[in-house]
C-alpha atoms as a PDB file:
ATOM      1  CA  MET A   1     177.739  55.851  67.851  1.00  0.00           C
ATOM      2  CA  THR A   2     176.683  56.657  71.350  1.00  0.00           C
ATOM      3  CA  SER A   3     173.037  56.901  72.221  1.00  0.00           C
ATOM      4  CA  PRO A   4     171.559  60.327  72.975  1.00  0.00           C
ATOM      5  CA  GLY A   5     172.053  61.204  76.627  1.00  0.00           C
ATOM      6  CA  VAL A   6     174.792  58.602  77.151  1.00  0.00           C
ATOM      7  CA  SER A   7     178.330  59.962  77.370  1.00  0.00           C
ATOM      8  CA  VAL A   8     181.466  58.328  75.998  1.00  0.00           C
ATOM      9  CA  GLY A   9     182.607  57.937  79.615  1.00  0.00           C
ATOM     10  CA  ALA A  10     179.466  55.999  80.370  1.00  0.00           C
ATOM     11  CA  GLU A  11     180.151  53.718  77.386  1.00  0.00           C
ATOM     12  CA  ALA A  12     183.550  52.934  78.874  1.00  0.00           C
ATOM     13  CA  TRP A  13     181.914  52.092  82.201  1.00  0.00           C
ATOM     14  CA  ARG A  14     179.401  49.848  80.493  1.00  0.00           C
ATOM     15  CA  ALA A  15     182.243  47.850  78.965  1.00  0.00           C
ATOM     16  CA  HIS A  16     183.241  46.723  82.468  1.00  0.00           C
ATOM     17  CA  PRO A  17     180.627  44.340  83.965  1.00  0.00           C
ATOM     18  CA  ARG A  18     180.988  45.489  87.595  1.00  0.00           C
ATOM     19  CA  ARG A  19     180.984  49.175  86.662  1.00  0.00           C
ATOM     20  CA  ALA A  20     178.010  48.616  84.383  1.00  0.00           C
ATOM     21  CA  ARG A  21     176.059  47.223  87.330  1.00  0.00           C
ATOM     22  CA  VAL A  22     176.879  50.257  89.495  1.00  0.00           C
ATOM     23  CA  LEU A  23     175.919  52.616  86.691  1.00  0.00           C
ATOM     24  CA  GLY A  24     172.669  50.726  86.184  1.00  0.00           C
ATOM     25  CA  LEU A  25     171.807  51.130  89.849  1.00  0.00           C
ATOM     26  CA  LEU A  26     172.431  54.853  89.686  1.00  0.00           C
ATOM     27  CA  TRP A  27     170.287  55.300  86.594  1.00  0.00           C
ATOM     28  CA  SER A  28     167.448  53.220  88.020  1.00  0.00           C
ATOM     29  CA  GLY A  29     167.393  55.109  91.317  1.00  0.00           C
ATOM     30  CA  ARG A  30     168.098  51.883  93.234  1.00  0.00           C
ATOM     31  CA  ASP A  31     171.386  52.992  94.719  1.00  0.00           C
ATOM     32  CA  PRO A  32     170.986  52.588  98.520  1.00  0.00           C
ATOM     33  CA  SER A  33     172.497  55.998  99.363  1.00  0.00           C
ATOM     34  CA  CYS A  34     170.298  57.580  96.713  1.00  0.00           C
ATOM     35  CA  ARG A  35     167.231  55.954  98.283  1.00  0.00           C
ATOM     36  CA  ALA A  36     168.285  57.218 101.695  1.00  0.00           C
ATOM     37  CA  ARG A  37     168.521  60.769 100.399  1.00  0.00           C
ATOM     38  CA  MET A  38     165.154  60.412  98.731  1.00  0.00           C
ATOM     39  CA  GLY A  39     163.710  59.057 101.988  1.00  0.00           C
ATOM     40  CA  ASN A  40     165.010  61.991 104.010  1.00  0.00           C
ATOM     41  CA  SER A  41     163.654  64.393 101.448  1.00  0.00           C
ATOM     42  CA  ALA A  42     160.242  62.712 101.522  1.00  0.00           C
ATOM     43  CA  LEU A  43     160.239  62.785 105.312  1.00  0.00           C
ATOM     44  CA  ARG A  44     160.989  66.518 105.341  1.00  0.00           C
ATOM     45  CA  ALA A  45     158.152  67.075 102.877  1.00  0.00           C
ATOM     46  CA  HIS A  46     155.738  65.163 105.105  1.00  0.00           C
ATOM     47  CA  VAL A  47     156.851  67.131 108.165  1.00  0.00           C
ATOM     48  CA  GLU A  48     156.344  70.431 106.342  1.00  0.00           C
ATOM     49  CA  THR A  49     152.865  69.365 105.257  1.00  0.00           C
ATOM     50  CA  ALA A  50     152.026  68.226 108.782  1.00  0.00           C
ATOM     51  CA  GLN A  51     152.996  71.648 110.143  1.00  0.00           C
ATOM     52  CA  LYS A  52     150.201  73.125 108.036  1.00  0.00           C
ATOM     53  CA  THR A  53     147.551  70.409 108.350  1.00  0.00           C
ATOM     54  CA  GLY A  54     148.135  68.868 111.782  1.00  0.00           C
ATOM     55  CA  VAL A  55     148.159  65.425 110.118  1.00  0.00           C
ATOM     56  CA  PHE A  56     151.278  63.252 109.731  1.00  0.00           C
ATOM     57  CA  GLN A  57     150.903  60.063 107.716  1.00  0.00           C
ATOM     58  CA  LEU A  58     153.828  57.904 106.629  1.00  0.00           C
ATOM     59  CA  LYS A  59     152.759  54.313 105.959  1.00  0.00           C
ATOM     60  CA  ASP A  60     154.447  51.404 104.188  1.00  0.00           C
ATOM     61  CA  ARG A  61     157.924  52.956 104.306  1.00  0.00           C
ATOM     62  CA  GLY A  62     159.853  50.294 106.248  1.00  0.00           C
ATOM     63  CA  LEU A  63     160.557  52.663 109.145  1.00  0.00           C
ATOM     64  CA  THR A  64     162.265  50.968 112.091  1.00  0.00           C
ATOM     65  CA  GLU A  65     162.072  53.975 114.405  1.00  0.00           C
ATOM     66  CA  PHE A  66     159.529  56.603 115.350  1.00  0.00           C
ATOM     67  CA  PRO A  67     160.619  59.687 113.313  1.00  0.00           C
ATOM     68  CA  SER A  68     162.537  61.991 115.664  1.00  0.00           C
ATOM     69  CA  GLU A  69     161.650  64.913 113.385  1.00  0.00           C
ATOM     70  CA  LEU A  70     158.141  64.821 114.833  1.00  0.00           C
ATOM     71  CA  GLN A  71     159.346  66.299 118.111  1.00  0.00           C
ATOM     72  CA  LYS A  72     159.202  69.657 116.314  1.00  0.00           C
ATOM     73  CA  LEU A  73     155.432  69.173 115.921  1.00  0.00           C
ATOM     74  CA  THR A  74     154.402  68.100 119.416  1.00  0.00           C
ATOM     75  CA  SER A  75     152.273  71.209 119.929  1.00  0.00           C
ATOM     76  CA  ASN A  76     150.210  71.067 116.733  1.00  0.00           C
ATOM     77  CA  LEU A  77     149.792  67.464 115.502  1.00  0.00           C
ATOM     78  CA  ARG A  78     146.288  66.037 115.827  1.00  0.00           C
ATOM     79  CA  THR A  79     146.732  62.852 113.792  1.00  0.00           C
ATOM     80  CA  ILE A  80     149.697  60.475 113.425  1.00  0.00           C
ATOM     81  CA  ASP A  81     149.538  57.365 111.221  1.00  0.00           C
ATOM     82  CA  LEU A  82     152.685  55.239 110.993  1.00  0.00           C
ATOM     83  CA  SER A  83     150.976  51.964 110.110  1.00  0.00           C
ATOM     84  CA  ASN A  84     152.606  49.180 108.095  1.00  0.00           C
ATOM     85  CA  ASN A  85     156.193  49.872 109.123  1.00  0.00           C
ATOM     86  CA  LYS A  86     158.698  48.028 111.325  1.00  0.00           C
ATOM     87  CA  ILE A  87     158.765  50.302 114.371  1.00  0.00           C
ATOM     88  CA  GLU A  88     159.853  48.407 117.487  1.00  0.00           C
ATOM     89  CA  SER A  89     159.336  51.045 120.192  1.00  0.00           C
ATOM     90  CA  LEU A  90     157.978  54.527 120.917  1.00  0.00           C
ATOM     91  CA  PRO A  91     160.397  57.129 122.315  1.00  0.00           C
ATOM     92  CA  PRO A  92     159.270  57.955 125.892  1.00  0.00           C
ATOM     93  CA  MET A  93     160.735  61.459 125.784  1.00  0.00           C
ATOM     94  CA  ILE A  94     158.714  62.363 122.682  1.00  0.00           C
ATOM     95  CA  ILE A  95     155.469  60.408 122.554  1.00  0.00           C
ATOM     96  CA  GLY A  96     153.950  61.944 125.673  1.00  0.00           C
ATOM     97  CA  LYS A  97     154.386  65.507 124.433  1.00  0.00           C
ATOM     98  CA  PHE A  98     151.744  65.472 121.692  1.00  0.00           C
ATOM     99  CA  ILE A  99     149.304  67.433 123.818  1.00  0.00           C
ATOM    100  CA  LEU A 100     146.720  67.959 121.044  1.00  0.00           C
ATOM    101  CA  LEU A 101     146.907  64.485 119.500  1.00  0.00           C
ATOM    102  CA  LYS A 102     143.470  62.932 118.863  1.00  0.00           C
ATOM    103  CA  SER A 103     144.316  59.942 116.683  1.00  0.00           C
ATOM    104  CA  LEU A 104     147.353  57.614 116.783  1.00  0.00           C
ATOM    105  CA  SER A 105     147.675  54.640 114.418  1.00  0.00           C
ATOM    106  CA  LEU A 106     150.549  52.182 114.556  1.00  0.00           C
ATOM    107  CA  ASN A 107     148.950  49.115 113.029  1.00  0.00           C
ATOM    108  CA  ASN A 108     151.202  46.399 111.615  1.00  0.00           C
ATOM    109  CA  ASN A 109     154.458  47.292 113.323  1.00  0.00           C
ATOM    110  CA  GLU A 110     156.803  45.443 115.708  1.00  0.00           C
ATOM    111  CA  LEU A 111     155.859  47.014 119.058  1.00  0.00           C
ATOM    112  CA  THR A 112     156.386  44.825 122.132  1.00  0.00           C
ATOM    113  CA  VAL A 113     155.788  47.399 124.895  1.00  0.00           C
ATOM    114  CA  LEU A 114     154.235  50.837 125.243  1.00  0.00           C
ATOM    115  CA  PRO A 115     155.909  53.584 127.313  1.00  0.00           C
ATOM    116  CA  ALA A 116     154.230  54.932 130.442  1.00  0.00           C
ATOM    117  CA  GLU A 117     154.373  58.392 128.886  1.00  0.00           C
ATOM    118  CA  LEU A 118     151.606  57.379 126.480  1.00  0.00           C
ATOM    119  CA  GLY A 119     149.232  58.120 129.339  1.00  0.00           C
ATOM    120  CA  ASN A 120     150.000  61.845 128.951  1.00  0.00           C
ATOM    121  CA  LEU A 121     147.936  62.067 125.753  1.00  0.00           C
ATOM    122  CA  LYS A 122     144.877  63.568 127.443  1.00  0.00           C
ATOM    123  CA  LYS A 123     143.103  64.454 124.186  1.00  0.00           C
ATOM    124  CA  LEU A 124     143.644  61.114 122.436  1.00  0.00           C
ATOM    125  CA  GLU A 125     140.326  59.723 121.165  1.00  0.00           C
ATOM    126  CA  THR A 126     141.386  56.940 118.786  1.00  0.00           C
ATOM    127  CA  LEU A 127     144.265  54.499 119.295  1.00  0.00           C
ATOM    128  CA  SER A 128     144.943  51.731 116.754  1.00  0.00           C
ATOM    129  CA  LEU A 129     147.655  49.194 117.565  1.00  0.00           C
ATOM    130  CA  ASN A 130     146.483  46.177 115.594  1.00  0.00           C
ATOM    131  CA  ASN A 131     148.971  43.439 114.652  1.00  0.00           C
ATOM    132  CA  ASN A 132     151.884  44.188 116.940  1.00  0.00           C
ATOM    133  CA  HIS A 133     153.416  42.046 119.720  1.00  0.00           C
ATOM    134  CA  LEU A 134     151.939  43.633 122.850  1.00  0.00           C
ATOM    135  CA  ARG A 135     151.455  41.431 125.916  1.00  0.00           C
ATOM    136  CA  GLU A 136     150.206  44.123 128.294  1.00  0.00           C
ATOM    137  CA  LEU A 137     149.409  47.819 128.603  1.00  0.00           C
ATOM    138  CA  PRO A 138     151.269  50.302 130.818  1.00  0.00           C
ATOM    139  CA  SER A 139     149.755  51.121 134.216  1.00  0.00           C
ATOM    140  CA  THR A 140     149.246  54.705 133.026  1.00  0.00           C
ATOM    141  CA  PHE A 141     146.936  53.613 130.212  1.00  0.00           C
ATOM    142  CA  GLY A 142     143.907  54.427 132.340  1.00  0.00           C
ATOM    143  CA  GLN A 143     144.891  58.098 132.180  1.00  0.00           C
ATOM    144  CA  LEU A 144     143.817  58.367 128.527  1.00  0.00           C
ATOM    145  CA  SER A 145     140.639  60.047 129.706  1.00  0.00           C
ATOM    146  CA  ALA A 146     139.345  61.104 126.255  1.00  0.00           C
ATOM    147  CA  LEU A 147     139.826  57.717 124.566  1.00  0.00           C
ATOM    148  CA  LYS A 148     136.764  56.523 122.632  1.00  0.00           C
ATOM    149  CA  THR A 149     138.038  53.814 120.266  1.00  0.00           C
ATOM    150  CA  LEU A 150     140.756  51.282 121.044  1.00  0.00           C
ATOM    151  CA  SER A 151     141.952  48.625 118.564  1.00  0.00           C
ATOM    152  CA  LEU A 152     144.344  45.953 119.827  1.00  0.00           C
ATOM    153  CA  SER A 153     143.497  43.107 117.465  1.00  0.00           C
ATOM    154  CA  GLY A 154     146.261  40.675 116.596  1.00  0.00           C
ATOM    155  CA  ASN A 155     148.513  41.139 119.620  1.00  0.00           C
ATOM    156  CA  ARG A 156     149.567  38.769 122.432  1.00  0.00           C
ATOM    157  CA  LEU A 157     147.372  39.934 125.291  1.00  0.00           C
ATOM    158  CA  GLY A 158     146.592  37.105 127.708  1.00  0.00           C
ATOM    159  CA  ALA A 159     143.899  38.911 129.697  1.00  0.00           C
ATOM    160  CA  LEU A 160     141.450  41.787 129.625  1.00  0.00           C
ATOM    161  CA  PRO A 161     143.566  44.847 130.557  1.00  0.00           C
ATOM    162  CA  PRO A 162     142.146  46.204 133.852  1.00  0.00           C
ATOM    163  CA  GLN A 163     143.237  49.734 132.909  1.00  0.00           C
ATOM    164  CA  LEU A 164     140.299  49.896 130.484  1.00  0.00           C
ATOM    165  CA  CYS A 165     137.869  50.051 133.389  1.00  0.00           C
ATOM    166  CA  SER A 166     139.077  53.580 134.191  1.00  0.00           C
ATOM    167  CA  LEU A 167     138.202  54.928 130.749  1.00  0.00           C
ATOM    168  CA  ARG A 168     134.713  56.397 131.133  1.00  0.00           C
ATOM    169  CA  HIS A 169     134.348  57.609 127.529  1.00  0.00           C
ATOM    170  CA  LEU A 170     135.499  54.404 125.855  1.00  0.00           C
ATOM    171  CA  ASP A 171     132.908  53.288 123.274  1.00  0.00           C
ATOM    172  CA  VAL A 172     134.538  50.564 121.162  1.00  0.00           C
ATOM    173  CA  VAL A 173     137.224  48.041 122.140  1.00  0.00           C
ATOM    174  CA  ASP A 174     138.650  45.451 119.739  1.00  0.00           C
ATOM    175  CA  LEU A 175     140.617  42.688 121.489  1.00  0.00           C
ATOM    176  CA  SER A 176     140.132  40.076 118.776  1.00  0.00           C
ATOM    177  CA  LYS A 177     142.926  37.688 117.742  1.00  0.00           C
ATOM    178  CA  ASN A 178     144.759  37.720 121.068  1.00  0.00           C
ATOM    179  CA  GLN A 179     145.409  34.974 123.640  1.00  0.00           C
ATOM    180  CA  ILE A 180     142.682  35.751 126.175  1.00  0.00           C
ATOM    181  CA  ARG A 181     141.346  32.661 127.951  1.00  0.00           C
ATOM    182  CA  SER A 182     138.641  34.101 130.209  1.00  0.00           C
ATOM    183  CA  ILE A 183     136.607  37.240 130.785  1.00  0.00           C
ATOM    184  CA  PRO A 184     136.916  38.215 134.474  1.00  0.00           C
ATOM    185  CA  ASP A 185     134.552  40.008 136.863  1.00  0.00           C
ATOM    186  CA  ILE A 186     136.121  43.403 136.173  1.00  0.00           C
ATOM    187  CA  VAL A 187     134.411  43.375 132.782  1.00  0.00           C
ATOM    188  CA  GLY A 188     131.289  44.661 134.543  1.00  0.00           C
ATOM    189  CA  GLU A 189     133.054  47.980 135.157  1.00  0.00           C
ATOM    190  CA  LEU A 190     133.565  48.730 131.470  1.00  0.00           C
ATOM    191  CA  GLN A 191     131.581  51.595 129.945  1.00  0.00           C
ATOM    192  CA  VAL A 192     131.935  50.387 126.369  1.00  0.00           C
ATOM    193  CA  ILE A 193     129.184  50.081 123.765  1.00  0.00           C
ATOM    194  CA  GLU A 194     130.931  47.447 121.630  1.00  0.00           C
ATOM    195  CA  LEU A 195     133.343  44.762 122.808  1.00  0.00           C
ATOM    196  CA  ASN A 196     135.102  42.393 120.387  1.00  0.00           C
ATOM    197  CA  PHE A 197     136.683  39.183 121.726  1.00  0.00           C
ATOM    198  CA  ASN A 198     136.574  37.214 118.452  1.00  0.00           C
ATOM    199  CA  GLN A 199     139.278  34.606 117.809  1.00  0.00           C
ATOM    200  CA  ASN A 200     140.729  34.271 121.276  1.00  0.00           C
ATOM    201  CA  GLN A 201     140.832  31.166 123.497  1.00  0.00           C
ATOM    202  CA  ILE A 202     137.978  32.110 125.807  1.00  0.00           C
ATOM    203  CA  SER A 203     136.318  29.263 127.707  1.00  0.00           C
ATOM    204  CA  GLN A 204     134.803  31.255 130.595  1.00  0.00           C
ATOM    205  CA  VAL A 205     132.731  34.452 130.731  1.00  0.00           C
ATOM    206  CA  SER A 206     131.915  36.209 133.997  1.00  0.00           C
ATOM    207  CA  VAL A 207     128.249  36.814 134.728  1.00  0.00           C
ATOM    208  CA  LYS A 208     129.298  40.408 135.489  1.00  0.00           C
ATOM    209  CA  ILE A 209     129.378  41.110 131.763  1.00  0.00           C
ATOM    210  CA  SER A 210     125.621  41.510 132.017  1.00  0.00           C
ATOM    211  CA  CYS A 211     126.179  44.504 134.310  1.00  0.00           C
ATOM    212  CA  CYS A 212     127.908  46.640 131.681  1.00  0.00           C
ATOM    213  CA  PRO A 213     125.547  49.647 131.573  1.00  0.00           C
ATOM    214  CA  ARG A 214     126.160  50.617 127.935  1.00  0.00           C
ATOM    215  CA  LEU A 215     127.211  47.347 126.282  1.00  0.00           C
ATOM    216  CA  LYS A 216     125.126  46.760 123.145  1.00  0.00           C
ATOM    217  CA  VAL A 217     127.394  44.613 120.957  1.00  0.00           C
ATOM    218  CA  LEU A 218     129.334  41.599 122.239  1.00  0.00           C
ATOM    219  CA  ARG A 219     131.429  39.549 119.808  1.00  0.00           C
ATOM    220  CA  LEU A 220     132.694  36.148 120.972  1.00  0.00           C
ATOM    221  CA  GLU A 221     133.068  34.301 117.685  1.00  0.00           C
ATOM    222  CA  GLU A 222     135.607  31.491 117.234  1.00  0.00           C
ATOM    223  CA  ASN A 223     136.499  30.888 120.861  1.00  0.00           C
ATOM    224  CA  CYS A 224     136.395  27.787 123.099  1.00  0.00           C
ATOM    225  CA  LEU A 225     133.022  28.343 124.769  1.00  0.00           C
ATOM    226  CA  GLU A 226     130.696  25.578 125.853  1.00  0.00           C
ATOM    227  CA  LEU A 227     127.089  26.728 125.961  1.00  0.00           C
ATOM    228  CA  SER A 228     127.030  26.154 129.731  1.00  0.00           C
ATOM    229  CA  MET A 229     129.828  28.717 130.135  1.00  0.00           C
ATOM    230  CA  LEU A 230     127.808  31.496 128.484  1.00  0.00           C
ATOM    231  CA  PRO A 231     125.865  33.350 131.220  1.00  0.00           C
ATOM    232  CA  GLN A 232     122.138  33.261 130.509  1.00  0.00           C
ATOM    233  CA  SER A 233     121.868  36.726 132.037  1.00  0.00           C
ATOM    234  CA  ILE A 234     123.405  38.037 128.795  1.00  0.00           C
ATOM    235  CA  LEU A 235     120.130  37.078 127.183  1.00  0.00           C
ATOM    236  CA  SER A 236     117.689  37.968 129.936  1.00  0.00           C
ATOM    237  CA  ASP A 237     119.196  40.769 132.019  1.00  0.00           C
ATOM    238  CA  SER A 238     121.623  42.827 129.928  1.00  0.00           C
ATOM    239  CA  GLN A 239     121.567  45.696 127.443  1.00  0.00           C
ATOM    240  CA  ILE A 240     123.201  43.536 124.759  1.00  0.00           C
ATOM    241  CA  CYS A 241     121.235  43.582 121.515  1.00  0.00           C
ATOM    242  CA  LEU A 242     123.803  41.923 119.232  1.00  0.00           C
ATOM    243  CA  LEU A 243     125.469  38.749 120.480  1.00  0.00           C
ATOM    244  CA  ALA A 244     127.834  37.047 118.010  1.00  0.00           C
ATOM    245  CA  VAL A 245     128.915  33.568 119.174  1.00  0.00           C
ATOM    246  CA  GLU A 246     129.339  31.530 115.995  1.00  0.00           C
ATOM    247  CA  GLY A 247     132.307  29.174 115.845  1.00  0.00           C
ATOM    248  CA  ASN A 248     132.287  27.995 119.469  1.00  0.00           C
ATOM    249  CA  LEU A 249     131.725  24.512 120.971  1.00  0.00           C
ATOM    250  CA  PHE A 250     127.942  24.490 120.588  1.00  0.00           C
ATOM    251  CA  GLU A 251     125.298  24.751 117.930  1.00  0.00           C
ATOM    252  CA  ILE A 252     123.542  28.096 117.561  1.00  0.00           C
ATOM    253  CA  LYS A 253     120.140  26.384 117.604  1.00  0.00           C
ATOM    254  CA  LYS A 254     120.888  25.332 121.206  1.00  0.00           C
ATOM    255  CA  LEU A 255     121.346  28.970 122.148  1.00  0.00           C
ATOM    256  CA  ARG A 256     117.841  29.698 120.881  1.00  0.00           C
ATOM    257  CA  GLU A 257     116.442  27.177 123.353  1.00  0.00           C
ATOM    258  CA  LEU A 258     117.826  28.949 126.414  1.00  0.00           C
ATOM    259  CA  GLU A 259     115.631  30.834 128.851  1.00  0.00           C
ATOM    260  CA  GLY A 260     115.810  34.555 128.135  1.00  0.00           C
ATOM    261  CA  TYR A 261     116.445  34.203 124.418  1.00  0.00           C
ATOM    262  CA  ASP A 262     113.062  35.789 123.658  1.00  0.00           C
ATOM    263  CA  LYS A 263     114.033  38.884 125.642  1.00  0.00           C
ATOM    264  CA  TYR A 264     117.310  39.101 123.734  1.00  0.00           C
ATOM    265  CA  MET A 265     115.450  38.843 120.414  1.00  0.00           C
ATOM    266  CA  GLU A 266     113.137  41.672 121.454  1.00  0.00           C
ATOM    267  CA  ARG A 267     116.152  43.920 121.983  1.00  0.00           C
ATOM    268  CA  TYR A 268     117.769  42.714 118.758  1.00  0.00           C
ATOM    269  CA  THR A 269     114.622  43.343 116.702  1.00  0.00           C
ATOM    270  CA  ALA A 270     114.000  46.770 118.245  1.00  0.00           C
ATOM    271  CA  THR A 271     117.558  47.840 117.445  1.00  0.00           C
ATOM    272  CA  LYS A 272     117.344  46.470 113.917  1.00  0.00           C
ATOM    273  CA  LYS A 273     114.153  48.454 113.282  1.00  0.00           C
ATOM    274  CA  LYS A 274     115.731  51.562 114.724  1.00  0.00           C
ATOM    275  CA  PHE A 275     118.542  51.512 112.197  1.00  0.00           C
ATOM    276  CA  ALA A 276     116.551  50.152 109.252  1.00  0.00           C
END
């Protein structure tokens, strides 16, 4: 007797091992073409929702390309999150047209370069590109005039991108887990409040870092710094009130013996009380 919901034809298929496997795939929803149709359907649903909300989020879907369907939404999207996919590049003809975009997240993808057209996103405030394969930023990056938060952790940057010095509203920059070996003089031109260089290969820091007018938090943990390579002016003549340097080539107690450490602690304590 056949089971309810299983036809006699299906029983015949099940009697043949190869056919039984195909039938099993169809029933389980694991047929590749079936998955593709389901994927397209899901994508359309996300696009329709994004038309209403201005938010497009499609994470953990194994996407290898930036969805071309989004070109229909260039005039109304404010947030795009395509994190945790396998996207290798951004389409130049599309990406620069999101004139209202405020937040773009492409963490954990396979990006190696960014198109120059990215610089057209004049309203972009938050850009997250953690854990990709970026070695540099396009020359137009300094045109992102509204950018406030930039996350580039876990890439392959070998130097502080000079384009960041043009961004007057930039508050937070995360360059941790890259391949940066030194912090050059141009760092003094940054307007940032927080700067994260943790887990790089930094052995030299320019004294100009003390000139950053708004820099309050400087993270240099797990680098290659000797204490002699850390400018004392960071302690005595800067605005920095949180200096994180654990995991370098010196003991923290030696830092406390440097001239200017008392001034740094005054700033640190005042800030701590302010937010207590």
